[in-house]
Amino acid sequence: MSSASLAFIGLGVMGFPMAGHLAAAGHEITVYNRSREKAEAWAGAHAGSVAATPREAAEGADIVFSCVGNDDDVRSVVYGDDGIFAGIRPGSVYVDHTTASADLARELYAEGRGRCVACIDAPVSGGQAGAENGVLTVMCGGDSEPFERARPAMTCYGRAVTLLGAPGNGQLTKMVNQIAIAGLLQGLSEALNMGLKAGLDMPLVLEVISKGAAGSWQMDNRGLTMIEDKFDFGFAVDWMRKDLAICLAESERNGARLPITAAIDQFYKHIQQEGGGRWDTSALIHLLRNT
């Protein structure tokens, strides 16, 4: 797409580099962050301006992006006199990259439609490294025309940007993603712990089995750190529990059975209780090795 006027709300570990990729592509960007210091730091590193409120950031923007913490955080930046919807102009597109509930995505879509604003739910996968390297997977729900308008901008930080259907489908797809990751990590943790208990040369074992059917991104990127008991990086346990709570709540509504996911959620709860809430999600092996 040609250079567009954009707004980005939320400059955490994901939003900061995502907004940076948009700036690097030549887009005019106004940013807002709850901590103004973070917004000022972003503006110091990239071309762009800082807004005092989400409303001010959204005014005049062709596309408004947000990436915050949870449903309540999204509502706090969208609604109210200083919210996005108070400033965004009719005909614009609002893209929410927060991992949140499908119910919220549908709520925003309906509210936006009443304001002639197209809303796209677009959670991402790939973690901080994916955001920094511009290789995120972006899972979108909403209407095709506004998606196509926003997609070129999203490709600045997403290597795969896909529309998956109706409003909320992006969030539902992210739930499927998180369920798969949680189960894979528990299986990998049990496998690596088994090898350690057996006295195997685990770096060599990982080199061998990663080339076969057991291979995965988690094995390639977390296997060695898991056997070294290193977890002070990556996607935090606190955030995974937030995501799994969304998955479990949705399963109660649609009747899907998630027995393994529910068990893993409790394993993560134990890690939090041990002070590991900010550890990487691969810390599941820590419980097996230390209990």
C-alpha atoms as a PDB file:
ATOM      1  CA  MET A   1       0.000   0.000   0.000  1.00  0.00           C
ATOM      2  CA  SER A   2       1.096   3.589  -0.414  1.00  0.00           C
ATOM      3  CA  SER A   3       2.032   5.549   2.679  1.00  0.00           C
ATOM      4  CA  ALA A   4      -0.965   5.819   5.012  1.00  0.00           C
ATOM      5  CA  SER A   5      -1.800   7.720   8.156  1.00  0.00           C
ATOM      6  CA  LEU A   6      -1.777   5.178  10.972  1.00  0.00           C
ATOM      7  CA  ALA A   7      -2.208   5.063  14.736  1.00  0.00           C
ATOM      8  CA  PHE A   8      -0.802   2.412  17.056  1.00  0.00           C
ATOM      9  CA  ILE A   9      -2.120   1.999  20.595  1.00  0.00           C
ATOM     10  CA  GLY A  10      -0.038  -0.046  23.036  1.00  0.00           C
ATOM     11  CA  LEU A  11       3.757  -0.197  22.867  1.00  0.00           C
ATOM     12  CA  GLY A  12       4.624  -3.254  24.932  1.00  0.00           C
ATOM     13  CA  VAL A  13       7.063  -5.989  23.932  1.00  0.00           C
ATOM     14  CA  MET A  14       4.950  -6.704  20.851  1.00  0.00           C
ATOM     15  CA  GLY A  15       3.505  -3.323  19.931  1.00  0.00           C
ATOM     16  CA  PHE A  16       6.786  -1.406  20.144  1.00  0.00           C
ATOM     17  CA  PRO A  17       8.536  -3.339  17.348  1.00  0.00           C
ATOM     18  CA  MET A  18       5.317  -3.790  15.325  1.00  0.00           C
ATOM     19  CA  ALA A  19       4.800  -0.029  15.207  1.00  0.00           C
ATOM     20  CA  GLY A  20       8.490   0.320  14.371  1.00  0.00           C
ATOM     21  CA  HIS A  21       8.103  -1.845  11.259  1.00  0.00           C
ATOM     22  CA  LEU A  22       5.225   0.350  10.120  1.00  0.00           C
ATOM     23  CA  ALA A  23       7.373   3.450  10.548  1.00  0.00           C
ATOM     24  CA  ALA A  24      10.268   1.815   8.692  1.00  0.00           C
ATOM     25  CA  ALA A  25       7.907   1.174   5.770  1.00  0.00           C
ATOM     26  CA  GLY A  26       7.308   4.914   5.476  1.00  0.00           C
ATOM     27  CA  HIS A  27       3.903   5.250   7.105  1.00  0.00           C
ATOM     28  CA  GLU A  28       2.983   8.335   9.088  1.00  0.00           C
ATOM     29  CA  ILE A  29       2.286   7.052  12.610  1.00  0.00           C
ATOM     30  CA  THR A  30       0.876   8.496  15.811  1.00  0.00           C
ATOM     31  CA  VAL A  31       1.361   6.322  18.879  1.00  0.00           C
ATOM     32  CA  TYR A  32      -0.203   6.137  22.307  1.00  0.00           C
ATOM     33  CA  ASN A  33       0.917   4.165  25.330  1.00  0.00           C
ATOM     34  CA  ARG A  34      -0.392   4.192  28.881  1.00  0.00           C
ATOM     35  CA  SER A  35       3.138   5.026  30.007  1.00  0.00           C
ATOM     36  CA  ARG A  36       4.030   8.142  28.055  1.00  0.00           C
ATOM     37  CA  GLU A  37       7.736   7.485  28.649  1.00  0.00           C
ATOM     38  CA  LYS A  38       7.493   4.363  26.491  1.00  0.00           C
ATOM     39  CA  ALA A  39       5.753   6.334  23.745  1.00  0.00           C
ATOM     40  CA  GLU A  40       8.419   9.028  23.891  1.00  0.00           C
ATOM     41  CA  ALA A  41      11.115   6.348  23.673  1.00  0.00           C
ATOM     42  CA  TRP A  42       9.419   4.907  20.593  1.00  0.00           C
ATOM     43  CA  ALA A  43       9.184   8.337  18.969  1.00  0.00           C
ATOM     44  CA  GLY A  44      12.854   8.873  19.716  1.00  0.00           C
ATOM     45  CA  ALA A  45      13.749   5.688  17.873  1.00  0.00           C
ATOM     46  CA  HIS A  46      11.322   6.049  14.947  1.00  0.00           C
ATOM     47  CA  ALA A  47       9.659   8.710  12.894  1.00  0.00           C
ATOM     48  CA  GLY A  48       6.273   9.443  14.420  1.00  0.00           C
ATOM     49  CA  SER A  49       4.369  11.499  16.942  1.00  0.00           C
ATOM     50  CA  VAL A  50       2.995  10.854  20.425  1.00  0.00           C
ATOM     51  CA  ALA A  51      -0.640  11.361  21.373  1.00  0.00           C
ATOM     52  CA  ALA A  52      -1.939  12.122  24.849  1.00  0.00           C
ATOM     53  CA  THR A  53      -4.975   9.812  24.500  1.00  0.00           C
ATOM     54  CA  PRO A  54      -6.172   6.986  22.235  1.00  0.00           C
ATOM     55  CA  ARG A  55      -8.757   9.403  20.872  1.00  0.00           C
ATOM     56  CA  GLU A  56      -6.102  11.885  19.828  1.00  0.00           C
ATOM     57  CA  ALA A  57      -4.049   9.114  18.215  1.00  0.00           C
ATOM     58  CA  ALA A  58      -7.045   7.856  16.235  1.00  0.00           C
ATOM     59  CA  GLU A  59      -8.117  11.238  14.885  1.00  0.00           C
ATOM     60  CA  GLY A  60      -7.337  11.424  11.182  1.00  0.00           C
ATOM     61  CA  ALA A  61      -5.912   7.897  10.954  1.00  0.00           C
ATOM     62  CA  ASP A  62      -6.822   5.647   8.035  1.00  0.00           C
ATOM     63  CA  ILE A  63      -6.138   2.561  10.151  1.00  0.00           C
ATOM     64  CA  VAL A  64      -5.883   2.318  13.939  1.00  0.00           C
ATOM     65  CA  PHE A  65      -4.028  -0.622  15.479  1.00  0.00           C
ATOM     66  CA  SER A  66      -4.005  -1.719  19.103  1.00  0.00           C
ATOM     67  CA  CYS A  67      -2.036  -4.332  20.987  1.00  0.00           C
ATOM     68  CA  VAL A  68      -2.738  -4.330  24.717  1.00  0.00           C
ATOM     69  CA  GLY A  69      -3.219  -6.918  27.461  1.00  0.00           C
ATOM     70  CA  ASN A  70      -6.720  -8.351  27.711  1.00  0.00           C
ATOM     71  CA  ASP A  71     -10.430  -7.656  27.157  1.00  0.00           C
ATOM     72  CA  ASP A  72     -10.574  -4.995  29.863  1.00  0.00           C
ATOM     73  CA  ASP A  73      -7.491  -3.252  28.493  1.00  0.00           C
ATOM     74  CA  VAL A  74      -9.015  -3.179  25.020  1.00  0.00           C
ATOM     75  CA  ARG A  75     -12.241  -1.672  26.322  1.00  0.00           C
ATOM     76  CA  SER A  76     -10.243   0.936  28.263  1.00  0.00           C
ATOM     77  CA  VAL A  77      -8.586   2.245  25.082  1.00  0.00           C
ATOM     78  CA  VAL A  78     -11.635   1.896  22.809  1.00  0.00           C
ATOM     79  CA  TYR A  79     -14.540   3.339  24.807  1.00  0.00           C
ATOM     80  CA  GLY A  80     -15.097   6.595  26.663  1.00  0.00           C
ATOM     81  CA  ASP A  81     -14.486  10.226  25.863  1.00  0.00           C
ATOM     82  CA  ASP A  82     -10.766   9.597  25.336  1.00  0.00           C
ATOM     83  CA  GLY A  83     -11.136   6.259  23.552  1.00  0.00           C
ATOM     84  CA  ILE A  84     -10.443   5.206  19.979  1.00  0.00           C
ATOM     85  CA  PHE A  85     -14.100   5.223  18.991  1.00  0.00           C
ATOM     86  CA  ALA A  86     -14.414   8.838  20.144  1.00  0.00           C
ATOM     87  CA  GLY A  87     -11.731   9.916  17.673  1.00  0.00           C
ATOM     88  CA  ILE A  88     -11.744   7.513  14.761  1.00  0.00           C
ATOM     89  CA  ARG A  89     -13.474   8.830  11.676  1.00  0.00           C
ATOM     90  CA  PRO A  90     -16.177   6.975   9.731  1.00  0.00           C
ATOM     91  CA  GLY A  91     -14.742   4.852   6.962  1.00  0.00           C
ATOM     92  CA  SER A  92     -11.557   4.005   8.857  1.00  0.00           C
ATOM     93  CA  VAL A  93     -10.434   0.540   9.943  1.00  0.00           C
ATOM     94  CA  TYR A  94      -9.702  -0.565  13.500  1.00  0.00           C
ATOM     95  CA  VAL A  95      -7.417  -3.598  13.863  1.00  0.00           C
ATOM     96  CA  ASP A  96      -6.997  -5.123  17.321  1.00  0.00           C
ATOM     97  CA  HIS A  97      -3.935  -7.350  17.722  1.00  0.00           C
ATOM     98  CA  THR A  98      -4.659  -8.147  21.373  1.00  0.00           C
ATOM     99  CA  THR A  99      -5.247 -11.796  22.230  1.00  0.00           C
ATOM    100  CA  ALA A 100      -8.735 -11.452  23.676  1.00  0.00           C
ATOM    101  CA  SER A 101     -12.102 -13.189  23.649  1.00  0.00           C
ATOM    102  CA  ALA A 102     -14.167 -13.839  20.538  1.00  0.00           C
ATOM    103  CA  ASP A 103     -17.092 -12.213  22.346  1.00  0.00           C
ATOM    104  CA  LEU A 104     -15.144  -8.953  22.588  1.00  0.00           C
ATOM    105  CA  ALA A 105     -14.254  -9.132  18.893  1.00  0.00           C
ATOM    106  CA  ARG A 106     -17.926  -9.475  17.984  1.00  0.00           C
ATOM    107  CA  GLU A 107     -18.846  -6.661  20.367  1.00  0.00           C
ATOM    108  CA  LEU A 108     -16.322  -4.308  18.780  1.00  0.00           C
ATOM    109  CA  TYR A 109     -17.438  -5.299  15.293  1.00  0.00           C
ATOM    110  CA  ALA A 110     -21.063  -4.479  16.113  1.00  0.00           C
ATOM    111  CA  GLU A 111     -20.177  -1.221  17.832  1.00  0.00           C
ATOM    112  CA  GLY A 112     -17.892  -0.203  15.008  1.00  0.00           C
ATOM    113  CA  ARG A 113     -20.489  -1.001  12.392  1.00  0.00           C
ATOM    114  CA  GLY A 114     -22.864   1.424  14.063  1.00  0.00           C
ATOM    115  CA  ARG A 115     -20.176   4.088  13.699  1.00  0.00           C
ATOM    116  CA  CYS A 116     -19.275   3.143  10.084  1.00  0.00           C
ATOM    117  CA  VAL A 117     -15.925   1.849  11.324  1.00  0.00           C
ATOM    118  CA  ALA A 118     -14.730  -1.594  10.205  1.00  0.00           C
ATOM    119  CA  CYS A 119     -13.254  -3.691  13.017  1.00  0.00           C
ATOM    120  CA  ILE A 120     -10.851  -6.584  12.475  1.00  0.00           C
ATOM    121  CA  ASP A 121      -9.785  -8.934  15.278  1.00  0.00           C
ATOM    122  CA  ALA A 122      -6.196  -9.879  14.470  1.00  0.00           C
ATOM    123  CA  PRO A 123      -4.293 -11.672  17.252  1.00  0.00           C
ATOM    124  CA  VAL A 124      -0.735 -12.646  16.437  1.00  0.00           C
ATOM    125  CA  SER A 125       1.596 -15.556  17.062  1.00  0.00           C
ATOM    126  CA  GLY A 126       5.377 -15.554  17.031  1.00  0.00           C
ATOM    127  CA  GLY A 127       6.235 -13.847  20.291  1.00  0.00           C
ATOM    128  CA  GLN A 128       8.605 -10.963  20.886  1.00  0.00           C
ATOM    129  CA  ALA A 129      11.202 -12.361  18.492  1.00  0.00           C
ATOM    130  CA  GLY A 130       8.596 -12.637  15.758  1.00  0.00           C
ATOM    131  CA  ALA A 131       7.520  -9.054  16.337  1.00  0.00           C
ATOM    132  CA  GLU A 132      11.086  -7.760  16.312  1.00  0.00           C
ATOM    133  CA  ASN A 133      11.961  -9.692  13.152  1.00  0.00           C
ATOM    134  CA  GLY A 134       8.707  -8.855  11.376  1.00  0.00           C
ATOM    135  CA  VAL A 135       7.676 -12.493  10.898  1.00  0.00           C
ATOM    136  CA  LEU A 136       4.474 -12.781  12.926  1.00  0.00           C
ATOM    137  CA  THR A 137       1.496 -14.917  11.986  1.00  0.00           C
ATOM    138  CA  VAL A 138      -1.620 -12.716  11.984  1.00  0.00           C
ATOM    139  CA  MET A 139      -5.026 -14.400  12.349  1.00  0.00           C
ATOM    140  CA  CYS A 140      -7.909 -12.162  11.313  1.00  0.00           C
ATOM    141  CA  GLY A 141     -11.676 -12.108  11.618  1.00  0.00           C
ATOM    142  CA  GLY A 142     -13.977  -9.598   9.940  1.00  0.00           C
ATOM    143  CA  ASP A 143     -15.081  -8.385   6.532  1.00  0.00           C
ATOM    144  CA  SER A 144     -12.948  -8.883   3.440  1.00  0.00           C
ATOM    145  CA  GLU A 145     -12.899  -5.312   2.078  1.00  0.00           C
ATOM    146  CA  PRO A 146     -11.457  -3.620   5.196  1.00  0.00           C
ATOM    147  CA  PHE A 147      -9.148  -6.592   5.707  1.00  0.00           C
ATOM    148  CA  GLU A 148      -7.697  -6.040   2.251  1.00  0.00           C
ATOM    149  CA  ARG A 149      -7.214  -2.366   3.059  1.00  0.00           C
ATOM    150  CA  ALA A 150      -5.340  -3.180   6.260  1.00  0.00           C
ATOM    151  CA  ARG A 151      -3.455  -6.271   5.074  1.00  0.00           C
ATOM    152  CA  PRO A 152      -0.573  -4.477   3.303  1.00  0.00           C
ATOM    153  CA  ALA A 153       0.254  -2.599   6.510  1.00  0.00           C
ATOM    154  CA  MET A 154       0.087  -5.799   8.553  1.00  0.00           C
ATOM    155  CA  THR A 155       2.566  -7.465   6.201  1.00  0.00           C
ATOM    156  CA  CYS A 156       5.155  -4.997   7.507  1.00  0.00           C
ATOM    157  CA  TYR A 157       5.422  -7.238  10.593  1.00  0.00           C
ATOM    158  CA  GLY A 158       3.548 -10.366   9.533  1.00  0.00           C
ATOM    159  CA  ARG A 159       4.853 -13.025   7.186  1.00  0.00           C
ATOM    160  CA  ALA A 160       1.431 -14.694   7.139  1.00  0.00           C
ATOM    161  CA  VAL A 161      -1.654 -12.458   7.325  1.00  0.00           C
ATOM    162  CA  THR A 162      -4.853 -14.432   6.784  1.00  0.00           C
ATOM    163  CA  LEU A 163      -8.572 -13.683   6.938  1.00  0.00           C
ATOM    164  CA  LEU A 164     -10.311 -16.634   8.590  1.00  0.00           C
ATOM    165  CA  GLY A 165     -13.916 -15.538   8.245  1.00  0.00           C
ATOM    166  CA  ALA A 166     -16.442 -13.843  10.471  1.00  0.00           C
ATOM    167  CA  PRO A 167     -15.724 -11.434  13.347  1.00  0.00           C
ATOM    168  CA  GLY A 168     -14.238 -13.408  16.239  1.00  0.00           C
ATOM    169  CA  ASN A 169     -12.682 -16.077  14.018  1.00  0.00           C
ATOM    170  CA  GLY A 170      -9.249 -14.541  14.419  1.00  0.00           C
ATOM    171  CA  GLN A 171      -9.526 -14.899  18.189  1.00  0.00           C
ATOM    172  CA  LEU A 172     -10.922 -18.429  17.901  1.00  0.00           C
ATOM    173  CA  THR A 173      -7.978 -19.386  15.688  1.00  0.00           C
ATOM    174  CA  LYS A 174      -5.562 -17.946  18.247  1.00  0.00           C
ATOM    175  CA  MET A 175      -7.230 -20.151  20.871  1.00  0.00           C
ATOM    176  CA  VAL A 176      -6.585 -23.200  18.690  1.00  0.00           C
ATOM    177  CA  ASN A 177      -2.972 -22.024  18.345  1.00  0.00           C
ATOM    178  CA  GLN A 178      -2.450 -21.674  22.100  1.00  0.00           C
ATOM    179  CA  ILE A 179      -4.053 -25.030  22.880  1.00  0.00           C
ATOM    180  CA  ALA A 180      -1.698 -26.687  20.396  1.00  0.00           C
ATOM    181  CA  ILE A 181       1.359 -24.926  21.843  1.00  0.00           C
ATOM    182  CA  ALA A 182       0.485 -25.812  25.437  1.00  0.00           C
ATOM    183  CA  GLY A 183       0.038 -29.495  24.618  1.00  0.00           C
ATOM    184  CA  LEU A 184       3.219 -29.595  22.557  1.00  0.00           C
ATOM    185  CA  LEU A 185       5.257 -27.990  25.342  1.00  0.00           C
ATOM    186  CA  GLN A 186       3.979 -30.444  27.940  1.00  0.00           C
ATOM    187  CA  GLY A 187       4.830 -33.369  25.675  1.00  0.00           C
ATOM    188  CA  LEU A 188       8.268 -31.931  24.945  1.00  0.00           C
ATOM    189  CA  SER A 189       8.857 -31.330  28.661  1.00  0.00           C
ATOM    190  CA  GLU A 190       8.004 -34.930  29.530  1.00  0.00           C
ATOM    191  CA  ALA A 191      10.180 -36.261  26.706  1.00  0.00           C
ATOM    192  CA  LEU A 192      13.216 -34.163  27.651  1.00  0.00           C
ATOM    193  CA  ASN A 193      12.827 -34.970  31.325  1.00  0.00           C
ATOM    194  CA  MET A 194      12.671 -38.681  30.460  1.00  0.00           C
ATOM    195  CA  GLY A 195      15.914 -38.365  28.534  1.00  0.00           C
ATOM    196  CA  LEU A 196      17.607 -36.482  31.346  1.00  0.00           C
ATOM    197  CA  LYS A 197      16.522 -39.076  33.911  1.00  0.00           C
ATOM    198  CA  ALA A 198      17.874 -41.802  31.621  1.00  0.00           C
ATOM    199  CA  GLY A 199      21.267 -40.097  31.478  1.00  0.00           C
ATOM    200  CA  LEU A 200      21.233 -39.449  27.748  1.00  0.00           C
ATOM    201  CA  ASP A 201      23.325 -36.810  25.990  1.00  0.00           C
ATOM    202  CA  MET A 202      20.320 -34.535  25.523  1.00  0.00           C
ATOM    203  CA  PRO A 203      21.865 -31.957  23.143  1.00  0.00           C
ATOM    204  CA  LEU A 204      22.754 -34.866  20.869  1.00  0.00           C
ATOM    205  CA  VAL A 205      19.298 -36.401  21.320  1.00  0.00           C
ATOM    206  CA  LEU A 206      17.697 -33.093  20.341  1.00  0.00           C
ATOM    207  CA  GLU A 207      19.917 -32.861  17.263  1.00  0.00           C
ATOM    208  CA  VAL A 208      18.765 -36.312  16.181  1.00  0.00           C
ATOM    209  CA  ILE A 209      15.039 -36.244  16.927  1.00  0.00           C
ATOM    210  CA  SER A 210      14.545 -32.703  15.642  1.00  0.00           C
ATOM    211  CA  LYS A 211      15.183 -34.066  12.161  1.00  0.00           C
ATOM    212  CA  GLY A 212      12.294 -36.514  12.405  1.00  0.00           C
ATOM    213  CA  ALA A 213       8.564 -36.487  13.103  1.00  0.00           C
ATOM    214  CA  ALA A 214       9.073 -35.104  16.627  1.00  0.00           C
ATOM    215  CA  GLY A 215      10.625 -31.900  15.323  1.00  0.00           C
ATOM    216  CA  SER A 216       8.914 -28.571  16.034  1.00  0.00           C
ATOM    217  CA  TRP A 217       9.545 -24.859  16.439  1.00  0.00           C
ATOM    218  CA  GLN A 218       9.467 -25.317  20.199  1.00  0.00           C
ATOM    219  CA  MET A 219      12.063 -28.066  20.045  1.00  0.00           C
ATOM    220  CA  ASP A 220      14.333 -26.037  17.766  1.00  0.00           C
ATOM    221  CA  ASN A 221      14.047 -22.813  19.765  1.00  0.00           C
ATOM    222  CA  ARG A 222      13.458 -23.999  23.339  1.00  0.00           C
ATOM    223  CA  GLY A 223      14.870 -27.522  23.606  1.00  0.00           C
ATOM    224  CA  LEU A 224      18.386 -26.583  24.723  1.00  0.00           C
ATOM    225  CA  THR A 225      17.226 -23.891  27.143  1.00  0.00           C
ATOM    226  CA  MET A 226      14.714 -26.320  28.648  1.00  0.00           C
ATOM    227  CA  ILE A 227      17.380 -28.902  29.469  1.00  0.00           C
ATOM    228  CA  GLU A 228      19.530 -26.075  30.864  1.00  0.00           C
ATOM    229  CA  ASP A 229      16.640 -24.915  33.094  1.00  0.00           C
ATOM    230  CA  LYS A 230      16.705 -21.393  31.590  1.00  0.00           C
ATOM    231  CA  PHE A 231      13.427 -19.515  31.302  1.00  0.00           C
ATOM    232  CA  ASP A 232      14.108 -15.795  31.810  1.00  0.00           C
ATOM    233  CA  PHE A 233      12.942 -14.789  28.312  1.00  0.00           C
ATOM    234  CA  GLY A 234      10.161 -15.400  25.815  1.00  0.00           C
ATOM    235  CA  PHE A 235       6.377 -15.595  26.178  1.00  0.00           C
ATOM    236  CA  ALA A 236       5.494 -15.287  29.866  1.00  0.00           C
ATOM    237  CA  VAL A 237       3.571 -17.890  31.832  1.00  0.00           C
ATOM    238  CA  ASP A 238       1.284 -15.112  33.093  1.00  0.00           C
ATOM    239  CA  TRP A 239       0.204 -14.352  29.534  1.00  0.00           C
ATOM    240  CA  MET A 240      -0.230 -17.996  28.625  1.00  0.00           C
ATOM    241  CA  ARG A 241      -2.544 -18.477  31.600  1.00  0.00           C
ATOM    242  CA  LYS A 242      -4.551 -15.484  30.445  1.00  0.00           C
ATOM    243  CA  ASP A 243      -4.825 -17.040  26.991  1.00  0.00           C
ATOM    244  CA  LEU A 244      -5.719 -20.488  28.314  1.00  0.00           C
ATOM    245  CA  ALA A 245      -8.439 -18.969  30.495  1.00  0.00           C
ATOM    246  CA  ILE A 246      -9.973 -17.568  27.304  1.00  0.00           C
ATOM    247  CA  CYS A 247      -9.705 -20.998  25.664  1.00  0.00           C
ATOM    248  CA  LEU A 248     -11.311 -22.777  28.616  1.00  0.00           C
ATOM    249  CA  ALA A 249     -14.131 -20.240  28.847  1.00  0.00           C
ATOM    250  CA  GLU A 250     -14.856 -20.624  25.137  1.00  0.00           C
ATOM    251  CA  SER A 251     -14.850 -24.419  25.479  1.00  0.00           C
ATOM    252  CA  GLU A 252     -17.523 -24.141  28.162  1.00  0.00           C
ATOM    253  CA  ARG A 253     -19.685 -22.299  25.659  1.00  0.00           C
ATOM    254  CA  ASN A 254     -19.143 -24.477  22.593  1.00  0.00           C
ATOM    255  CA  GLY A 255     -18.837 -27.875  24.276  1.00  0.00           C
ATOM    256  CA  ALA A 256     -15.264 -28.663  23.235  1.00  0.00           C
ATOM    257  CA  ARG A 257     -13.469 -30.954  25.690  1.00  0.00           C
ATOM    258  CA  LEU A 258     -10.052 -29.661  26.778  1.00  0.00           C
ATOM    259  CA  PRO A 259      -8.898 -32.051  29.529  1.00  0.00           C
ATOM    260  CA  ILE A 260      -5.181 -31.797  28.762  1.00  0.00           C
ATOM    261  CA  THR A 261      -5.331 -28.026  28.346  1.00  0.00           C
ATOM    262  CA  ALA A 262      -7.086 -27.700  31.704  1.00  0.00           C
ATOM    263  CA  ALA A 263      -4.387 -29.812  33.361  1.00  0.00           C
ATOM    264  CA  ILE A 264      -1.576 -27.804  31.772  1.00  0.00           C
ATOM    265  CA  ASP A 265      -3.238 -24.583  32.910  1.00  0.00           C
ATOM    266  CA  GLN A 266      -2.933 -25.881  36.478  1.00  0.00           C
ATOM    267  CA  PHE A 267       0.717 -26.757  35.906  1.00  0.00           C
ATOM    268  CA  TYR A 268       1.281 -23.158  34.873  1.00  0.00           C
ATOM    269  CA  LYS A 269      -0.562 -22.055  38.015  1.00  0.00           C
ATOM    270  CA  HIS A 270       1.993 -23.976  40.093  1.00  0.00           C
ATOM    271  CA  ILE A 271       4.809 -22.223  38.236  1.00  0.00           C
ATOM    272  CA  GLN A 272       3.233 -18.863  39.049  1.00  0.00           C
ATOM    273  CA  GLN A 273       3.026 -19.849  42.704  1.00  0.00           C
ATOM    274  CA  GLU A 274       6.755 -20.581  42.622  1.00  0.00           C
ATOM    275  CA  GLY A 275       7.421 -17.058  41.347  1.00  0.00           C
ATOM    276  CA  GLY A 276       7.778 -18.009  37.694  1.00  0.00           C
ATOM    277  CA  GLY A 277       4.988 -15.916  36.256  1.00  0.00           C
ATOM    278  CA  ARG A 278       7.404 -14.060  33.983  1.00  0.00           C
ATOM    279  CA  TRP A 279       9.247 -17.205  32.903  1.00  0.00           C
ATOM    280  CA  ASP A 280       8.911 -18.496  29.365  1.00  0.00           C
ATOM    281  CA  THR A 281       6.117 -21.015  28.760  1.00  0.00           C
ATOM    282  CA  SER A 282       8.721 -23.734  28.233  1.00  0.00           C
ATOM    283  CA  ALA A 283       9.138 -23.730  32.040  1.00  0.00           C
ATOM    284  CA  LEU A 284       6.704 -26.666  32.220  1.00  0.00           C
ATOM    285  CA  ILE A 285       9.776 -28.904  32.395  1.00  0.00           C
ATOM    286  CA  HIS A 286      10.788 -27.126  35.615  1.00  0.00           C
ATOM    287  CA  LEU A 287       7.907 -28.785  37.454  1.00  0.00           C
ATOM    288  CA  LEU A 288       8.914 -32.250  36.262  1.00  0.00           C
ATOM    289  CA  ARG A 289      12.564 -31.739  37.243  1.00  0.00           C
ATOM    290  CA  ASN A 290      11.928 -30.103  40.607  1.00  0.00           C
ATOM    291  CA  THR A 291       8.885 -31.892  42.083  1.00  0.00           C
END
